[in-house]
Protein backbone atom coordinates (compact mmCIF):
# COMPACT_ATOMS: atom_id res chain seq x y z
CA UNK A 1 -12.30 -24.52 10.19
CA UNK A 2 -11.47 -23.50 13.72
CA UNK A 3 -11.09 -19.91 14.83
CA UNK A 4 -7.39 -19.18 15.44
CA UNK A 5 -8.23 -16.68 18.20
CA UNK A 6 -10.85 -18.48 20.34
CA UNK A 7 -11.05 -22.01 18.93
CA UNK A 8 -14.74 -21.97 17.97
CA UNK A 9 -15.99 -23.34 14.67
CA UNK A 10 -15.98 -20.69 11.92
CA UNK A 11 -19.19 -20.14 9.95
CA UNK A 12 -19.37 -19.24 6.29
CA UNK A 13 -20.83 -15.86 5.40
CA UNK A 14 -21.69 -14.76 1.85
CA UNK A 15 -20.94 -11.10 1.15
CA UNK A 16 -21.33 -9.96 -2.45
CA UNK A 17 -19.22 -12.42 -4.50
CA UNK A 18 -17.14 -13.50 -1.47
CA UNK A 19 -17.68 -16.41 0.87
CA UNK A 20 -15.80 -15.68 4.08
CA UNK A 21 -15.28 -17.61 7.30
CA UNK A 22 -16.34 -15.65 10.38
CA UNK A 23 -16.33 -16.35 14.09
CA UNK A 24 -19.95 -15.34 14.56
CA UNK A 25 -21.10 -15.34 18.20
CA UNK A 26 -17.49 -16.10 19.12
CA UNK A 27 -14.69 -13.54 19.09
CA UNK A 28 -16.04 -11.84 15.93
CA UNK A 29 -12.91 -12.36 13.81
CA UNK A 30 -12.87 -12.90 10.03
CA UNK A 31 -10.74 -15.17 7.81
CA UNK A 32 -9.87 -13.83 4.36
CA UNK A 33 -8.39 -16.17 1.77
CA UNK A 34 -5.72 -14.86 -0.60
CA UNK A 35 -6.81 -11.59 -2.32
CA UNK A 36 -10.22 -11.44 -0.57
CA UNK A 37 -9.24 -8.68 1.86
CA UNK A 38 -8.35 -6.37 -1.08
CA UNK A 39 -12.00 -6.49 -2.15
CA UNK A 40 -13.32 -4.98 1.10
CA UNK A 41 -10.49 -2.93 2.65
CA UNK A 42 -11.47 0.50 1.30
CA UNK A 43 -14.37 2.70 2.38
CA UNK A 44 -15.95 2.85 -1.07
CA UNK A 45 -16.20 -0.98 -1.32
CA UNK A 46 -19.76 -1.61 -0.18
CA UNK A 47 -19.22 -5.34 0.34
CA UNK A 48 -17.10 -4.51 3.38
CA UNK A 49 -19.97 -2.75 5.18
CA UNK A 50 -21.64 -6.05 6.11
CA UNK A 51 -18.42 -7.23 7.76
CA UNK A 52 -17.98 -4.30 10.10
CA UNK A 53 -20.34 -5.63 12.75
CA UNK A 54 -20.01 -9.40 13.06
CA UNK A 55 -22.10 -10.63 15.99
CA UNK A 56 -19.79 -11.68 18.77
CA UNK A 57 -19.78 -12.84 22.35
CA UNK A 58 -18.20 -10.09 24.45
CA UNK A 59 -17.49 -12.56 27.26
CA UNK A 60 -14.88 -14.31 25.12
CA UNK A 61 -11.38 -13.05 25.92
CA UNK A 62 -8.75 -13.17 23.19
CA UNK A 63 -5.00 -13.22 23.82
CA UNK A 64 -3.64 -10.85 21.16
CA UNK A 65 0.00 -11.48 22.08
CA UNK A 66 0.05 -15.13 20.98
CA UNK A 67 1.03 -16.36 17.53
CA UNK A 68 -2.00 -17.98 16.00
CA UNK A 69 -2.35 -21.10 13.92
CA UNK A 70 -3.58 -20.72 10.35
CA UNK A 71 -7.14 -22.06 10.23
CA UNK A 72 -6.49 -23.41 6.74
CA UNK A 73 -2.92 -24.77 6.85
CA UNK A 74 -2.24 -27.41 9.47
CA UNK A 75 0.84 -26.80 11.61
CA UNK A 76 1.53 -23.26 10.31
CA UNK A 77 1.73 -20.27 12.64
CA UNK A 78 0.70 -16.94 11.16
CA UNK A 79 2.94 -13.86 11.09
CA UNK A 80 1.87 -10.61 12.71
CA UNK A 81 2.45 -7.39 10.80
CA UNK A 82 1.02 -3.93 10.31
CA UNK A 83 -1.28 -3.24 7.37
CA UNK A 84 0.24 0.15 6.58
CA UNK A 85 3.01 2.57 7.48
CA UNK A 86 0.71 4.20 10.02
CA UNK A 87 1.19 1.08 12.18
CA UNK A 88 -2.32 1.30 13.58
CA UNK A 89 -3.65 -2.16 12.70
CA UNK A 90 -1.72 -5.37 13.25
CA UNK A 91 -3.09 -8.44 11.46
CA UNK A 92 -2.16 -12.11 11.21
CA UNK A 93 -1.09 -13.48 7.81
CA UNK A 94 -0.31 -17.05 6.80
CA UNK A 95 3.01 -17.29 4.98
CA UNK A 96 1.90 -20.45 3.20
CA UNK A 97 -1.59 -19.73 1.82
CA UNK A 98 -1.52 -15.91 2.00
CA UNK A 99 -4.74 -15.68 4.01
CA UNK A 100 -5.42 -13.00 6.63
CA UNK A 101 -7.05 -13.23 10.04
CA UNK A 102 -8.63 -10.00 11.27
CA UNK A 103 -9.81 -9.67 14.84
CA UNK A 104 -13.08 -7.94 15.61
CA UNK A 105 -12.93 -4.25 14.62
CA UNK A 106 -9.71 -4.44 12.61
CA UNK A 107 -11.45 -4.28 9.22
CA UNK A 108 -13.14 -1.00 10.21
CA UNK A 109 -9.83 0.47 11.34
CA UNK A 110 -8.14 -0.62 8.09
CA UNK A 111 -10.93 0.98 6.04
CA UNK A 112 -10.51 4.27 7.94
CA UNK A 113 -6.72 4.47 7.47
CA UNK A 114 -6.73 5.37 3.77
CA UNK A 115 -9.70 6.00 1.47
CA UNK A 116 -8.01 4.34 -1.52
CA UNK A 117 -5.18 1.94 -2.38
CA UNK A 118 -3.50 4.79 -4.27
CA UNK A 119 -3.29 6.90 -1.11
CA UNK A 120 -1.99 3.90 0.87
CA UNK A 121 0.75 3.43 -1.76
CA UNK A 122 1.60 7.13 -1.76
CA UNK A 123 2.00 7.10 2.02
CA UNK A 124 4.21 4.00 1.84
CA UNK A 125 6.44 5.56 -0.82
CA UNK A 126 6.78 8.75 1.26
CA UNK A 127 7.60 6.76 4.40
CA UNK A 128 10.25 4.62 2.68
CA UNK A 129 11.66 7.71 1.00
CA UNK A 130 12.12 9.34 4.40
CA UNK A 131 13.78 6.20 5.74
CA UNK A 132 16.10 5.27 2.88
CA UNK A 133 16.66 8.12 0.38
CA UNK A 134 19.70 9.62 2.11
CA UNK A 135 21.37 6.22 2.49
CA UNK A 136 20.59 5.27 -1.11
CA UNK A 137 22.12 8.54 -2.35
CA UNK A 138 25.30 7.78 -0.39
CA UNK A 139 25.43 4.25 -1.81
CA UNK A 140 24.94 5.51 -5.37
CA UNK A 141 27.72 8.10 -4.92
CA UNK A 142 30.06 5.44 -3.50
CA UNK A 143 29.18 3.09 -6.34
CA UNK A 144 29.84 5.78 -8.95
CA UNK A 145 33.17 6.62 -7.32
CA UNK A 146 34.17 2.93 -7.23
CA UNK A 147 33.15 2.55 -10.87
CA UNK A 148 35.24 5.56 -11.88
CA UNK A 149 38.27 4.15 -10.00
CA UNK A 150 37.81 0.76 -11.67
CA UNK A 151 37.71 2.41 -15.09
CA UNK A 152 40.96 4.30 -14.31
CA UNK A 153 42.66 1.08 -13.18
CA UNK A 154 41.44 -0.74 -16.29
CA UNK A 155 42.82 2.11 -18.44
CA UNK A 156 46.20 1.85 -16.73
CA UNK A 157 46.30 -1.89 -17.33
CA UNK A 158 45.40 -1.36 -20.98
CA UNK A 159 48.37 0.99 -21.28
CA UNK A 160 50.78 -1.23 -19.29
CA UNK A 161 49.62 -4.49 -20.76
CA UNK A 162 48.08 -4.11 -24.23
CA UNK A 163 45.84 -6.96 -25.32
CA UNK A 164 48.50 -8.38 -27.67
CA UNK A 165 50.53 -9.36 -24.56
CA UNK A 166 47.68 -11.42 -23.11
CA UNK A 167 47.82 -15.17 -23.73
CA UNK A 168 45.86 -16.15 -26.80
CA UNK A 169 45.73 -12.58 -28.16
CA UNK A 170 48.89 -12.65 -30.23
CA UNK A 171 50.02 -14.52 -33.32
CA UNK A 172 53.54 -15.18 -31.97
CA UNK A 173 55.11 -16.65 -28.86
CA UNK A 174 54.65 -19.74 -26.77
CA UNK A 175 51.44 -18.71 -25.09
């Protein structure tokens, strides 16, 4: 596989039970297949320690603004997004295979953001609560008001037009 950042050939590196593709002596980036990043993204996960200092060539310049090709899926460009609500680390993710490309140093920054997945989730819930709770309350109130109005209208129709006047509901007539 080719490095999506500098184009060099990626080398396989065995870390615990993972076999990762790294750009050793290149830009120092790491390719994580689906679910592999979750095994090393927290401080207490010792397997991640070996990945914090990939040997790299500091003379290689990387253009961080460009969309990068997935090293695994031919013809697919990866999406850039932040790893948490803190918006400190932007990574590249393939929408097809679910793999992640981390540039040199990004894994260390991810590991320092939150000590555990639970704390990362708690921060995300708090952030989304701050963003959307007021609007959701308004929408619920509007929905409840609309539902109450619909029930009143249905009640009026039941009074004005009892079910025995509806076609097929009566024993008599030409309906």
